[in-house]
Amino acid sequence: MENKLENEEWMSGTPEGYFDSLSERIRQSVFLDDLRAKVADGGFITPDNYFEALPEVIHGNSFLEQLKGSSPVETAGFITPEGYFSGLSSRIVAQAHDDNDDLNEVTMAVQAPSKHAVKIVRLWHSSFLKYASAACFILLSAAGLYFYQQKPEPVVNYAELANEQMLYDIDEHVIIEHIQAASMEEEQPVVATADLENYILTNYSQNDIASDL
């Protein structure tokens, strides 16, 4: 009987603002249903080696809780000075101006000309040194040219070169045969008749000549 009365009371009216958020709740329900359909498992997984490292993690967390409980510092350990944020903008602007001034000083120091005068060293201190150097160069050039012209040039005897080339081209056997033939020939002495008569008359008497005949 009581349940029937409660149902009748619920059917007689709706909660305040029910229909205003009804479309949003419907969309959320549809989104959750799609998400459950896409995820094969329950949607929660544990990292690798989670249970192996779980005791150490629990022990570390408990140690930190004990440390926080026993620490006399009521806050997390970091506080800002009093009035820090109220003067923060002015300090930032002042620091920016200081940095800009430092940058300008460095730029002016770089661009400013050096106070030390640059010393220029001349290679030729006087005109006499230039003329003396030019005279030495001319003398050396003339001496080299003179000795180069006095050097005797080798005279090439083209006839001897041609004979040597001909001898080089002749076969060795031909040269050997020619030498042997020349050595085998004996030269016959040529004596004039008048010389022969004078020799006989000088060295022999008439008796010797008559006896030989």
N, C-alpha and C. Protein backbone atom coordinates (compact mmCIF):
# COMPACT_ATOMS: atom_id res chain seq x y z
N MET A 1 0.82 -1.20 0.00
CA MET A 1 0.00 0.00 0.00
C MET A 1 0.86 1.26 0.00
N GLU A 2 1.91 1.21 0.84
CA GLU A 2 2.81 2.36 0.90
C GLU A 2 3.55 2.55 -0.41
N ASN A 3 3.99 1.43 -1.02
CA ASN A 3 4.68 1.53 -2.32
C ASN A 3 3.78 2.13 -3.38
N LYS A 4 2.52 1.75 -3.34
CA LYS A 4 1.60 2.27 -4.33
C LYS A 4 1.42 3.76 -4.16
N LEU A 5 1.35 4.20 -2.92
CA LEU A 5 1.20 5.62 -2.68
C LEU A 5 2.45 6.40 -3.13
N GLU A 6 3.64 5.83 -2.91
CA GLU A 6 4.86 6.52 -3.33
C GLU A 6 4.94 6.64 -4.84
N ASN A 7 4.54 5.57 -5.54
CA ASN A 7 4.56 5.62 -7.00
C ASN A 7 3.56 6.65 -7.54
N GLU A 8 2.43 6.72 -6.92
CA GLU A 8 1.44 7.69 -7.36
C GLU A 8 1.93 9.10 -7.13
N GLU A 9 2.63 9.32 -5.97
CA GLU A 9 3.16 10.65 -5.72
C GLU A 9 4.25 11.02 -6.73
N TRP A 10 5.07 10.03 -7.11
CA TRP A 10 6.16 10.32 -8.08
C TRP A 10 5.60 10.63 -9.45
N MET A 11 4.49 9.90 -9.81
CA MET A 11 3.88 10.12 -11.12
C MET A 11 3.15 11.45 -11.17
N SER A 12 2.79 11.98 -10.03
CA SER A 12 2.03 13.23 -10.04
C SER A 12 2.91 14.44 -10.33
N GLY A 13 4.28 14.33 -10.17
CA GLY A 13 5.15 15.48 -10.40
C GLY A 13 6.58 15.04 -10.71
N THR A 14 7.42 15.95 -11.32
CA THR A 14 8.83 15.68 -11.65
C THR A 14 9.72 16.57 -10.81
N PRO A 15 10.97 16.11 -10.58
CA PRO A 15 11.88 16.97 -9.79
C PRO A 15 12.11 18.30 -10.49
N GLU A 16 12.47 19.27 -9.70
CA GLU A 16 12.70 20.60 -10.24
C GLU A 16 13.93 20.60 -11.14
N GLY A 17 13.83 21.13 -12.36
CA GLY A 17 14.93 21.19 -13.31
C GLY A 17 15.25 19.86 -13.96
N TYR A 18 14.35 18.91 -13.90
CA TYR A 18 14.61 17.57 -14.44
C TYR A 18 14.76 17.62 -15.96
N PHE A 19 13.83 18.24 -16.62
CA PHE A 19 13.87 18.27 -18.08
C PHE A 19 14.96 19.20 -18.62
N ASP A 20 15.42 20.16 -17.80
CA ASP A 20 16.47 21.06 -18.27
C ASP A 20 17.79 20.32 -18.49
N SER A 21 18.12 19.36 -17.64
CA SER A 21 19.38 18.61 -17.76
C SER A 21 19.19 17.22 -18.34
N LEU A 22 17.95 16.94 -18.81
CA LEU A 22 17.68 15.60 -19.32
C LEU A 22 18.49 15.31 -20.58
N SER A 23 18.55 16.25 -21.54
CA SER A 23 19.29 16.01 -22.79
C SER A 23 20.79 15.81 -22.51
N GLU A 24 21.36 16.54 -21.56
CA GLU A 24 22.77 16.40 -21.23
C GLU A 24 23.05 15.03 -20.63
N ARG A 25 22.15 14.57 -19.76
CA ARG A 25 22.34 13.25 -19.15
C ARG A 25 22.21 12.15 -20.19
N ILE A 26 21.32 12.34 -21.16
CA ILE A 26 21.14 11.32 -22.20
C ILE A 26 22.41 11.23 -23.06
N ARG A 27 22.97 12.40 -23.43
CA ARG A 27 24.20 12.38 -24.23
C ARG A 27 25.35 11.72 -23.45
N GLN A 28 25.45 12.00 -22.16
CA GLN A 28 26.51 11.38 -21.36
C GLN A 28 26.32 9.87 -21.29
N SER A 29 25.08 9.41 -21.17
CA SER A 29 24.82 7.97 -21.13
C SER A 29 25.19 7.31 -22.45
N VAL A 30 24.85 7.97 -23.56
CA VAL A 30 25.20 7.40 -24.88
C VAL A 30 26.71 7.37 -25.07
N PHE A 31 27.41 8.44 -24.62
CA PHE A 31 28.87 8.48 -24.75
C PHE A 31 29.52 7.37 -23.93
N LEU A 32 29.02 7.13 -22.72
CA LEU A 32 29.58 6.08 -21.88
C LEU A 32 29.32 4.71 -22.47
N ASP A 33 28.13 4.50 -23.06
CA ASP A 33 27.84 3.22 -23.69
C ASP A 33 28.76 2.96 -24.88
N ASP A 34 29.01 4.02 -25.70
CA ASP A 34 29.93 3.86 -26.83
C ASP A 34 31.35 3.57 -26.34
N LEU A 35 31.75 4.23 -25.27
CA LEU A 35 33.09 4.02 -24.73
C LEU A 35 33.25 2.60 -24.20
N ARG A 36 32.22 2.09 -23.52
CA ARG A 36 32.28 0.70 -23.03
C ARG A 36 32.33 -0.29 -24.17
N ALA A 37 31.67 0.02 -25.27
CA ALA A 37 31.68 -0.90 -26.42
C ALA A 37 33.04 -0.91 -27.10
N LYS A 38 33.72 0.23 -27.13
CA LYS A 38 35.02 0.30 -27.80
C LYS A 38 36.11 -0.35 -26.96
N VAL A 39 36.04 -0.22 -25.66
CA VAL A 39 37.07 -0.80 -24.79
C VAL A 39 36.69 -2.24 -24.51
N ALA A 40 37.63 -3.16 -24.84
CA ALA A 40 37.31 -4.59 -24.68
C ALA A 40 37.24 -4.98 -23.21
N ASP A 41 38.24 -4.54 -22.43
CA ASP A 41 38.25 -4.90 -21.03
C ASP A 41 37.56 -3.82 -20.21
N GLY A 42 37.82 -3.83 -18.94
CA GLY A 42 37.15 -2.90 -18.05
C GLY A 42 37.62 -1.46 -18.20
N GLY A 43 38.73 -1.23 -18.98
CA GLY A 43 39.20 0.12 -19.16
C GLY A 43 40.32 0.51 -18.24
N PHE A 44 40.72 -0.37 -17.33
CA PHE A 44 41.80 -0.08 -16.39
C PHE A 44 42.84 -1.19 -16.48
N ILE A 45 44.09 -0.81 -16.64
CA ILE A 45 45.17 -1.77 -16.67
C ILE A 45 46.23 -1.33 -15.68
N THR A 46 47.01 -2.28 -15.21
CA THR A 46 48.09 -1.98 -14.27
C THR A 46 49.41 -1.89 -15.04
N PRO A 47 50.28 -0.98 -14.65
CA PRO A 47 51.58 -0.89 -15.31
C PRO A 47 52.41 -2.15 -15.12
N ASP A 48 53.45 -2.25 -15.91
CA ASP A 48 54.34 -3.41 -15.78
C ASP A 48 55.04 -3.40 -14.43
N ASN A 49 55.15 -4.56 -13.82
CA ASN A 49 55.82 -4.73 -12.50
C ASN A 49 55.16 -3.87 -11.43
N TYR A 50 53.85 -3.65 -11.58
CA TYR A 50 53.16 -2.81 -10.59
C TYR A 50 53.11 -3.48 -9.22
N PHE A 51 52.71 -4.75 -9.21
CA PHE A 51 52.56 -5.44 -7.93
C PHE A 51 53.92 -5.77 -7.31
N GLU A 52 54.97 -5.93 -8.13
CA GLU A 52 56.29 -6.19 -7.56
C GLU A 52 56.82 -4.96 -6.81
N ALA A 53 56.55 -3.78 -7.36
CA ALA A 53 57.04 -2.55 -6.71
C ALA A 53 56.03 -1.94 -5.75
N LEU A 54 54.86 -2.55 -5.60
CA LEU A 54 53.82 -1.98 -4.74
C LEU A 54 54.25 -1.88 -3.28
N PRO A 55 54.92 -2.88 -2.70
CA PRO A 55 55.33 -2.73 -1.29
C PRO A 55 56.28 -1.54 -1.08
N GLU A 56 57.23 -1.35 -1.99
CA GLU A 56 58.15 -0.23 -1.83
C GLU A 56 57.42 1.10 -1.94
N VAL A 57 56.44 1.18 -2.86
CA VAL A 57 55.69 2.43 -3.02
C VAL A 57 54.88 2.73 -1.76
N ILE A 58 54.26 1.69 -1.23
CA ILE A 58 53.46 1.88 0.00
C ILE A 58 54.35 2.30 1.16
N HIS A 59 55.52 1.67 1.27
CA HIS A 59 56.44 2.01 2.34
C HIS A 59 56.95 3.45 2.19
N GLY A 60 57.24 3.88 0.93
CA GLY A 60 57.69 5.24 0.71
C GLY A 60 56.62 6.26 1.02
N ASN A 61 55.38 5.98 0.64
CA ASN A 61 54.28 6.91 0.93
C ASN A 61 54.05 7.03 2.43
N SER A 62 54.11 5.90 3.10
CA SER A 62 53.92 5.95 4.56
C SER A 62 55.05 6.72 5.24
N PHE A 63 56.28 6.57 4.72
CA PHE A 63 57.40 7.31 5.29
C PHE A 63 57.23 8.81 5.08
N LEU A 64 56.74 9.20 3.91
CA LEU A 64 56.50 10.61 3.66
C LEU A 64 55.40 11.17 4.55
N GLU A 65 54.35 10.40 4.76
CA GLU A 65 53.28 10.85 5.65
C GLU A 65 53.79 11.03 7.07
N GLN A 66 54.62 10.10 7.52
CA GLN A 66 55.20 10.25 8.86
C GLN A 66 56.12 11.45 8.94
N LEU A 67 56.88 11.68 7.87
CA LEU A 67 57.79 12.83 7.86
C LEU A 67 57.01 14.14 7.89
N LYS A 68 55.91 14.22 7.13
CA LYS A 68 55.09 15.42 7.15
C LYS A 68 54.44 15.62 8.52
N GLY A 69 54.01 14.50 9.16
CA GLY A 69 53.38 14.64 10.46
C GLY A 69 54.35 15.08 11.54
N SER A 70 55.61 14.63 11.42
CA SER A 70 56.61 14.99 12.43
C SER A 70 57.31 16.30 12.13
N SER A 71 57.15 16.90 10.94
CA SER A 71 57.83 18.13 10.58
C SER A 71 57.19 19.31 11.28
N PRO A 72 58.00 20.23 11.82
CA PRO A 72 57.42 21.41 12.48
C PRO A 72 56.87 22.43 11.51
N VAL A 73 57.21 22.30 10.21
CA VAL A 73 56.74 23.26 9.22
C VAL A 73 55.29 22.96 8.90
N GLU A 74 54.45 23.94 9.08
CA GLU A 74 53.03 23.73 8.85
C GLU A 74 52.69 23.76 7.36
N THR A 75 53.45 24.49 6.57
CA THR A 75 53.18 24.57 5.13
C THR A 75 53.98 23.50 4.40
N ALA A 76 53.95 23.57 3.06
CA ALA A 76 54.65 22.58 2.25
C ALA A 76 56.15 22.80 2.22
N GLY A 77 56.65 23.87 2.89
CA GLY A 77 58.08 24.11 2.92
C GLY A 77 58.52 25.26 2.06
N PHE A 78 57.63 25.86 1.31
CA PHE A 78 57.96 26.99 0.43
C PHE A 78 56.96 28.11 0.68
N ILE A 79 57.47 29.27 1.01
CA ILE A 79 56.62 30.43 1.23
C ILE A 79 57.21 31.60 0.46
N THR A 80 56.38 32.56 0.14
CA THR A 80 56.83 33.77 -0.54
C THR A 80 56.99 34.89 0.49
N PRO A 81 57.97 35.76 0.29
CA PRO A 81 58.14 36.87 1.25
C PRO A 81 56.92 37.77 1.27
N GLU A 82 56.77 38.47 2.33
CA GLU A 82 55.63 39.36 2.49
C GLU A 82 55.74 40.51 1.50
N GLY A 83 54.66 40.76 0.79
CA GLY A 83 54.64 41.82 -0.21
C GLY A 83 55.44 41.50 -1.46
N TYR A 84 55.67 40.20 -1.73
CA TYR A 84 56.50 39.81 -2.88
C TYR A 84 55.80 40.16 -4.19
N PHE A 85 54.54 39.78 -4.32
CA PHE A 85 53.84 40.00 -5.58
C PHE A 85 53.45 41.45 -5.78
N SER A 86 53.31 42.21 -4.72
CA SER A 86 52.93 43.62 -4.86
C SER A 86 54.04 44.43 -5.55
N GLY A 87 55.33 44.11 -5.27
CA GLY A 87 56.42 44.86 -5.89
C GLY A 87 57.11 44.10 -7.00
N LEU A 88 56.50 42.98 -7.44
CA LEU A 88 57.15 42.15 -8.47
C LEU A 88 57.24 42.88 -9.80
N SER A 89 56.17 43.54 -10.23
CA SER A 89 56.17 44.21 -11.53
C SER A 89 57.20 45.34 -11.58
N SER A 90 57.28 46.11 -10.48
CA SER A 90 58.26 47.21 -10.47
C SER A 90 59.68 46.69 -10.50
N ARG A 91 59.95 45.57 -9.84
CA ARG A 91 61.29 45.00 -9.86
C ARG A 91 61.64 44.47 -11.25
N ILE A 92 60.67 43.88 -11.92
CA ILE A 92 60.91 43.37 -13.28
C ILE A 92 61.24 44.51 -14.23
N VAL A 93 60.49 45.63 -14.12
CA VAL A 93 60.75 46.78 -14.99
C VAL A 93 62.12 47.36 -14.72
N ALA A 94 62.49 47.46 -13.42
CA ALA A 94 63.81 48.01 -13.07
C ALA A 94 64.93 47.13 -13.58
N GLN A 95 64.76 45.80 -13.47
CA GLN A 95 65.77 44.88 -13.98
C GLN A 95 65.90 44.98 -15.49
N ALA A 96 64.78 45.17 -16.17
CA ALA A 96 64.82 45.32 -17.63
C ALA A 96 65.58 46.58 -18.02
N HIS A 97 65.34 47.69 -17.27
CA HIS A 97 66.07 48.93 -17.56
C HIS A 97 67.57 48.77 -17.31
N ASP A 98 67.92 48.06 -16.23
CA ASP A 98 69.34 47.83 -15.94
C ASP A 98 70.01 47.02 -17.04
N ASP A 99 69.30 45.99 -17.49
CA ASP A 99 69.86 45.17 -18.58
C ASP A 99 70.03 45.98 -19.86
N ASN A 100 69.05 46.86 -20.12
CA ASN A 100 69.14 47.70 -21.32
C ASN A 100 70.31 48.66 -21.23
N ASP A 101 70.52 49.24 -20.02
CA ASP A 101 71.66 50.14 -19.83
C ASP A 101 72.98 49.42 -20.02
N ASP A 102 73.08 48.21 -19.48
CA ASP A 102 74.32 47.43 -19.65
C ASP A 102 74.58 47.13 -21.11
N LEU A 103 73.51 46.80 -21.85
CA LEU A 103 73.65 46.51 -23.27
C LEU A 103 74.11 47.74 -24.04
N ASN A 104 73.57 48.92 -23.68
CA ASN A 104 73.99 50.15 -24.35
C ASN A 104 75.45 50.47 -24.07
N GLU A 105 75.89 50.24 -22.82
CA GLU A 105 77.29 50.50 -22.49
C GLU A 105 78.23 49.58 -23.27
N VAL A 106 77.86 48.32 -23.38
CA VAL A 106 78.70 47.39 -24.14
C VAL A 106 78.75 47.77 -25.61
N THR A 107 77.60 48.18 -26.17
CA THR A 107 77.56 48.57 -27.58
C THR A 107 78.41 49.81 -27.84
N MET A 108 78.32 50.80 -26.93
CA MET A 108 79.14 52.00 -27.10
C MET A 108 80.62 51.71 -26.97
N ALA A 109 80.97 50.78 -26.04
CA ALA A 109 82.38 50.42 -25.89
C ALA A 109 82.93 49.72 -27.11
N VAL A 110 82.09 48.92 -27.77
CA VAL A 110 82.54 48.22 -28.98
C VAL A 110 82.66 49.18 -30.15
N GLN A 111 81.69 50.09 -30.28
CA GLN A 111 81.69 50.98 -31.43
C GLN A 111 82.63 52.16 -31.26
N ALA A 112 83.05 52.48 -30.04
CA ALA A 112 83.94 53.62 -29.83
C ALA A 112 85.30 53.34 -30.42
N PRO A 113 85.96 54.35 -31.03
CA PRO A 113 87.31 54.14 -31.58
C PRO A 113 88.32 53.91 -30.48
N SER A 114 89.32 53.17 -30.78
CA SER A 114 90.35 52.85 -29.80
C SER A 114 91.17 54.09 -29.47
N LYS A 115 91.53 54.25 -28.19
CA LYS A 115 92.33 55.38 -27.76
C LYS A 115 93.78 55.23 -28.17
N HIS A 116 94.23 54.01 -28.34
CA HIS A 116 95.62 53.78 -28.70
C HIS A 116 95.78 53.98 -30.21
N ALA A 117 96.69 54.85 -30.57
CA ALA A 117 96.93 55.11 -31.99
C ALA A 117 97.63 53.91 -32.62
N VAL A 118 97.22 53.60 -33.82
CA VAL A 118 97.80 52.47 -34.54
C VAL A 118 99.13 52.93 -35.14
N LYS A 119 100.17 52.23 -34.82
CA LYS A 119 101.49 52.57 -35.31
C LYS A 119 101.70 51.94 -36.69
N ILE A 120 102.06 52.79 -37.66
CA ILE A 120 102.27 52.34 -39.04
C ILE A 120 103.77 52.21 -39.26
N VAL A 121 104.20 51.05 -39.62
CA VAL A 121 105.62 50.79 -39.88
C VAL A 121 105.82 50.80 -41.39
N ARG A 122 106.64 51.71 -41.85
CA ARG A 122 106.91 51.82 -43.28
C ARG A 122 107.97 50.79 -43.69
N LEU A 123 107.73 50.17 -44.82
CA LEU A 123 108.69 49.20 -45.32
C LEU A 123 109.94 49.88 -45.84
N TRP A 124 109.78 51.01 -46.53
CA TRP A 124 110.92 51.77 -47.05
C TRP A 124 111.01 53.08 -46.27
N HIS A 125 112.06 53.21 -45.46
CA HIS A 125 112.20 54.39 -44.61
C HIS A 125 112.73 55.59 -45.39
N SER A 126 113.48 55.39 -46.45
CA SER A 126 114.06 56.51 -47.19
C SER A 126 114.14 56.15 -48.66
N SER A 127 114.27 57.19 -49.49
CA SER A 127 114.39 56.96 -50.93
C SER A 127 115.74 56.35 -51.29
N PHE A 128 116.77 56.63 -50.50
CA PHE A 128 118.09 56.06 -50.77
C PHE A 128 118.06 54.54 -50.69
N LEU A 129 117.34 54.03 -49.70
CA LEU A 129 117.24 52.57 -49.57
C LEU A 129 116.52 51.96 -50.77
N LYS A 130 115.52 52.64 -51.28
CA LYS A 130 114.81 52.13 -52.45
C LYS A 130 115.73 52.10 -53.66
N TYR A 131 116.49 53.18 -53.87
CA TYR A 131 117.40 53.22 -55.02
C TYR A 131 118.51 52.18 -54.90
N ALA A 132 119.04 52.00 -53.69
CA ALA A 132 120.10 51.02 -53.48
C ALA A 132 119.58 49.61 -53.75
N SER A 133 118.38 49.32 -53.32
CA SER A 133 117.80 47.99 -53.57
C SER A 133 117.58 47.77 -55.06
N ALA A 134 117.13 48.80 -55.77
CA ALA A 134 116.93 48.67 -57.22
C ALA A 134 118.26 48.47 -57.94
N ALA A 135 119.32 49.18 -57.49
CA ALA A 135 120.64 49.01 -58.13
C ALA A 135 121.19 47.61 -57.91
N CYS A 136 121.03 47.08 -56.69
CA CYS A 136 121.48 45.71 -56.42
C CYS A 136 120.74 44.70 -57.28
N PHE A 137 119.46 44.91 -57.45
CA PHE A 137 118.68 43.99 -58.27
C PHE A 137 119.16 44.03 -59.73
N ILE A 138 119.46 45.24 -60.24
CA ILE A 138 119.93 45.36 -61.63
C ILE A 138 121.29 44.71 -61.80
N LEU A 139 122.21 44.91 -60.80
CA LEU A 139 123.53 44.30 -60.89
C LEU A 139 123.45 42.78 -60.88
N LEU A 140 122.64 42.25 -60.02
CA LEU A 140 122.51 40.79 -59.97
C LEU A 140 121.93 40.25 -61.27
N SER A 141 120.95 40.94 -61.84
CA SER A 141 120.37 40.48 -63.10
C SER A 141 121.39 40.54 -64.23
N ALA A 142 122.19 41.63 -64.28
CA ALA A 142 123.20 41.76 -65.34
C ALA A 142 124.28 40.70 -65.20
N ALA A 143 124.75 40.42 -63.96
CA ALA A 143 125.78 39.40 -63.76
C ALA A 143 125.28 38.03 -64.18
N GLY A 144 124.05 37.72 -63.83
CA GLY A 144 123.51 36.43 -64.24
C GLY A 144 123.40 36.30 -65.73
N LEU A 145 122.96 37.37 -66.40
CA LEU A 145 122.86 37.33 -67.86
C LEU A 145 124.24 37.21 -68.50
N TYR A 146 125.27 37.89 -67.95
CA TYR A 146 126.62 37.84 -68.51
C TYR A 146 127.19 36.43 -68.41
N PHE A 147 127.12 35.83 -67.23
CA PHE A 147 127.67 34.49 -67.06
C PHE A 147 126.90 33.46 -67.89
N TYR A 148 125.63 33.71 -68.10
CA TYR A 148 124.85 32.78 -68.92
C TYR A 148 125.29 32.85 -70.37
N GLN A 149 125.62 34.07 -70.86
CA GLN A 149 126.08 34.20 -72.25
C GLN A 149 127.50 33.68 -72.43
N GLN A 150 128.38 33.79 -71.39
CA GLN A 150 129.75 33.32 -71.51
C GLN A 150 129.87 31.81 -71.44
N LYS A 151 128.87 31.16 -71.04
CA LYS A 151 128.93 29.70 -70.93
C LYS A 151 129.01 29.09 -72.33
N PRO A 152 130.07 28.29 -72.64
CA PRO A 152 130.20 27.72 -73.99
C PRO A 152 129.11 26.71 -74.28
N GLU A 153 128.57 26.86 -75.44
CA GLU A 153 127.56 25.93 -75.88
C GLU A 153 128.22 24.71 -76.51
N PRO A 154 127.82 23.54 -76.23
CA PRO A 154 128.41 22.33 -76.82
C PRO A 154 128.18 22.29 -78.32
N VAL A 155 129.32 22.00 -79.08
CA VAL A 155 129.25 21.91 -80.53
C VAL A 155 128.92 20.48 -80.90
N VAL A 156 127.91 20.33 -81.66
CA VAL A 156 127.44 19.02 -82.05
C VAL A 156 127.99 18.71 -83.44
N ASN A 157 128.78 17.63 -83.54
CA ASN A 157 129.31 17.17 -84.83
C ASN A 157 128.34 16.16 -85.41
N TYR A 158 127.56 16.66 -86.34
CA TYR A 158 126.53 15.79 -86.89
C TYR A 158 127.11 14.68 -87.75
N ALA A 159 128.32 14.91 -88.38
CA ALA A 159 128.94 13.85 -89.20
C ALA A 159 129.34 12.67 -88.32
N GLU A 160 129.98 12.98 -87.16
CA GLU A 160 130.37 11.90 -86.26
C GLU A 160 129.14 11.17 -85.73
N LEU A 161 128.11 11.92 -85.44
CA LEU A 161 126.88 11.26 -84.98
C LEU A 161 126.31 10.34 -86.04
N ALA A 162 126.40 10.81 -87.32
CA ALA A 162 125.88 9.97 -88.40
C ALA A 162 126.72 8.71 -88.55
N ASN A 163 128.08 8.84 -88.45
CA ASN A 163 128.94 7.66 -88.55
C ASN A 163 128.69 6.68 -87.40
N GLU A 164 128.54 7.24 -86.21
CA GLU A 164 128.26 6.36 -85.07
C GLU A 164 126.92 5.65 -85.24
N GLN A 165 125.97 6.37 -85.80
CA GLN A 165 124.67 5.75 -86.01
C GLN A 165 124.77 4.65 -87.06
N MET A 166 125.60 4.89 -88.12
CA MET A 166 125.78 3.86 -89.16
C MET A 166 126.49 2.64 -88.58
N LEU A 167 127.54 2.88 -87.76
CA LEU A 167 128.24 1.75 -87.13
C LEU A 167 127.31 0.99 -86.20
N TYR A 168 126.45 1.73 -85.54
CA TYR A 168 125.51 1.07 -84.63
C TYR A 168 124.52 0.21 -85.40
N ASP A 169 124.16 0.66 -86.62
CA ASP A 169 123.18 -0.10 -87.40
C ASP A 169 123.80 -1.31 -88.09
N ILE A 170 125.16 -1.32 -88.34
CA ILE A 170 125.80 -2.45 -89.03
C ILE A 170 125.84 -3.66 -88.09
N ASP A 171 125.62 -4.80 -88.67
CA ASP A 171 125.64 -6.04 -87.89
C ASP A 171 127.06 -6.34 -87.39
N GLU A 172 127.17 -6.94 -86.23
CA GLU A 172 128.48 -7.25 -85.65
C GLU A 172 129.25 -8.27 -86.50
N HIS A 173 128.57 -9.21 -87.05
CA HIS A 173 129.24 -10.23 -87.87
C HIS A 173 129.90 -9.60 -89.11
N VAL A 174 129.25 -8.63 -89.71
CA VAL A 174 129.82 -7.96 -90.88
C VAL A 174 131.09 -7.22 -90.50
N ILE A 175 131.11 -6.56 -89.32
CA ILE A 175 132.31 -5.84 -88.87
C ILE A 175 133.46 -6.80 -88.61
N ILE A 176 133.15 -7.93 -87.97
CA ILE A 176 134.20 -8.92 -87.66
C ILE A 176 134.80 -9.49 -88.95
N GLU A 177 133.97 -9.81 -89.93
CA GLU A 177 134.47 -10.36 -91.19
C GLU A 177 135.33 -9.33 -91.92
N HIS A 178 134.95 -8.07 -91.88
CA HIS A 178 135.74 -7.03 -92.55
C HIS A 178 137.10 -6.87 -91.89
N ILE A 179 137.19 -6.94 -90.58
CA ILE A 179 138.48 -6.81 -89.89
C ILE A 179 139.38 -7.98 -90.20
N GLN A 180 138.81 -9.17 -90.21
CA GLN A 180 139.62 -10.36 -90.51
C GLN A 180 140.16 -10.32 -91.94
N ALA A 181 139.37 -9.90 -92.89
CA ALA A 181 139.83 -9.83 -94.28
C ALA A 181 140.93 -8.79 -94.44
N ALA A 182 140.85 -7.68 -93.73
CA ALA A 182 141.86 -6.63 -93.84
C ALA A 182 143.18 -7.07 -93.21
N SER A 183 143.11 -7.83 -92.15
CA SER A 183 144.34 -8.29 -91.49
C SER A 183 145.06 -9.38 -92.32
N MET A 184 144.32 -10.13 -93.09
CA MET A 184 144.92 -11.21 -93.88
C MET A 184 145.64 -10.67 -95.12
N GLU A 185 145.27 -9.54 -95.59
CA GLU A 185 145.93 -8.98 -96.77
C GLU A 185 147.24 -8.30 -96.35
N GLU A 186 148.35 -8.61 -96.99
CA GLU A 186 149.65 -8.01 -96.69
C GLU A 186 149.98 -6.98 -97.76
N GLU A 187 150.49 -5.91 -97.31
CA GLU A 187 150.83 -4.84 -98.25
C GLU A 187 152.20 -5.15 -98.90
N GLN A 188 152.25 -5.08 -100.20
CA GLN A 188 153.48 -5.30 -100.94
C GLN A 188 154.25 -3.98 -101.03
N PRO A 189 155.53 -3.98 -100.64
CA PRO A 189 156.30 -2.74 -100.70
C PRO A 189 156.56 -2.34 -102.16
N VAL A 190 156.38 -1.12 -102.42
CA VAL A 190 156.60 -0.57 -103.77
C VAL A 190 157.94 0.18 -103.76
N VAL A 191 158.94 -0.30 -104.53
CA VAL A 191 160.27 0.31 -104.57
C VAL A 191 160.54 0.85 -105.98
N ALA A 192 160.97 2.03 -106.05
CA ALA A 192 161.26 2.64 -107.37
C ALA A 192 162.55 2.02 -107.98
N THR A 193 162.63 2.01 -109.25
CA THR A 193 163.77 1.41 -109.95
C THR A 193 165.06 2.19 -109.70
N ALA A 194 164.95 3.49 -109.67
CA ALA A 194 166.15 4.33 -109.43
C ALA A 194 166.69 4.09 -108.05
N ASP A 195 165.82 3.95 -107.09
CA ASP A 195 166.27 3.69 -105.71
C ASP A 195 166.96 2.33 -105.63
N LEU A 196 166.42 1.36 -106.37
CA LEU A 196 167.01 0.02 -106.34
C LEU A 196 168.43 0.04 -106.95
N GLU A 197 168.65 0.76 -108.04
CA GLU A 197 169.98 0.85 -108.67
C GLU A 197 170.96 1.54 -107.75
N ASN A 198 170.56 2.59 -107.14
CA ASN A 198 171.45 3.30 -106.20
C ASN A 198 171.83 2.40 -105.03
N TYR A 199 170.93 1.63 -104.55
CA TYR A 199 171.21 0.73 -103.43
C TYR A 199 172.25 -0.33 -103.84
N ILE A 200 172.10 -0.88 -105.06
CA ILE A 200 173.04 -1.94 -105.52
C ILE A 200 174.42 -1.35 -105.75
N LEU A 201 174.48 -0.20 -106.38
CA LEU A 201 175.79 0.41 -106.65
C LEU A 201 176.50 0.82 -105.37
N THR A 202 175.71 1.17 -104.38
CA THR A 202 176.32 1.61 -103.12
C THR A 202 176.82 0.44 -102.29
N ASN A 203 176.10 -0.63 -102.26
CA ASN A 203 176.41 -1.74 -101.35
C ASN A 203 177.18 -2.89 -102.03
N TYR A 204 177.25 -2.94 -103.32
CA TYR A 204 177.92 -4.04 -104.00
C TYR A 204 178.97 -3.47 -104.96
N SER A 205 180.08 -4.25 -105.15
CA SER A 205 181.14 -3.86 -106.14
C SER A 205 180.83 -4.52 -107.48
N GLN A 206 181.70 -4.15 -108.45
CA GLN A 206 181.46 -4.73 -109.77
C GLN A 206 181.79 -6.22 -109.79
N ASN A 207 182.82 -6.60 -109.01
CA ASN A 207 183.16 -8.03 -108.95
C ASN A 207 182.00 -8.84 -108.35
N ASP A 208 181.38 -8.27 -107.29
CA ASP A 208 180.24 -9.00 -106.68
C ASP A 208 179.07 -9.12 -107.66
N ILE A 209 178.87 -8.07 -108.37
CA ILE A 209 177.76 -8.14 -109.33
C ILE A 209 178.08 -9.13 -110.43
N ALA A 210 179.35 -9.16 -110.91
CA ALA A 210 179.72 -10.08 -111.98
C ALA A 210 179.66 -11.52 -111.52
N SER A 211 180.10 -11.77 -110.26
CA SER A 211 180.07 -13.14 -109.76
C SER A 211 178.62 -13.62 -109.60
N ASP A 212 177.74 -12.74 -109.22
CA ASP A 212 176.33 -13.15 -109.05
C ASP A 212 175.68 -13.44 -110.40
N LEU A 213 176.12 -12.75 -111.43
CA LEU A 213 175.54 -13.01 -112.73
C LEU A 213 176.10 -14.32 -113.28
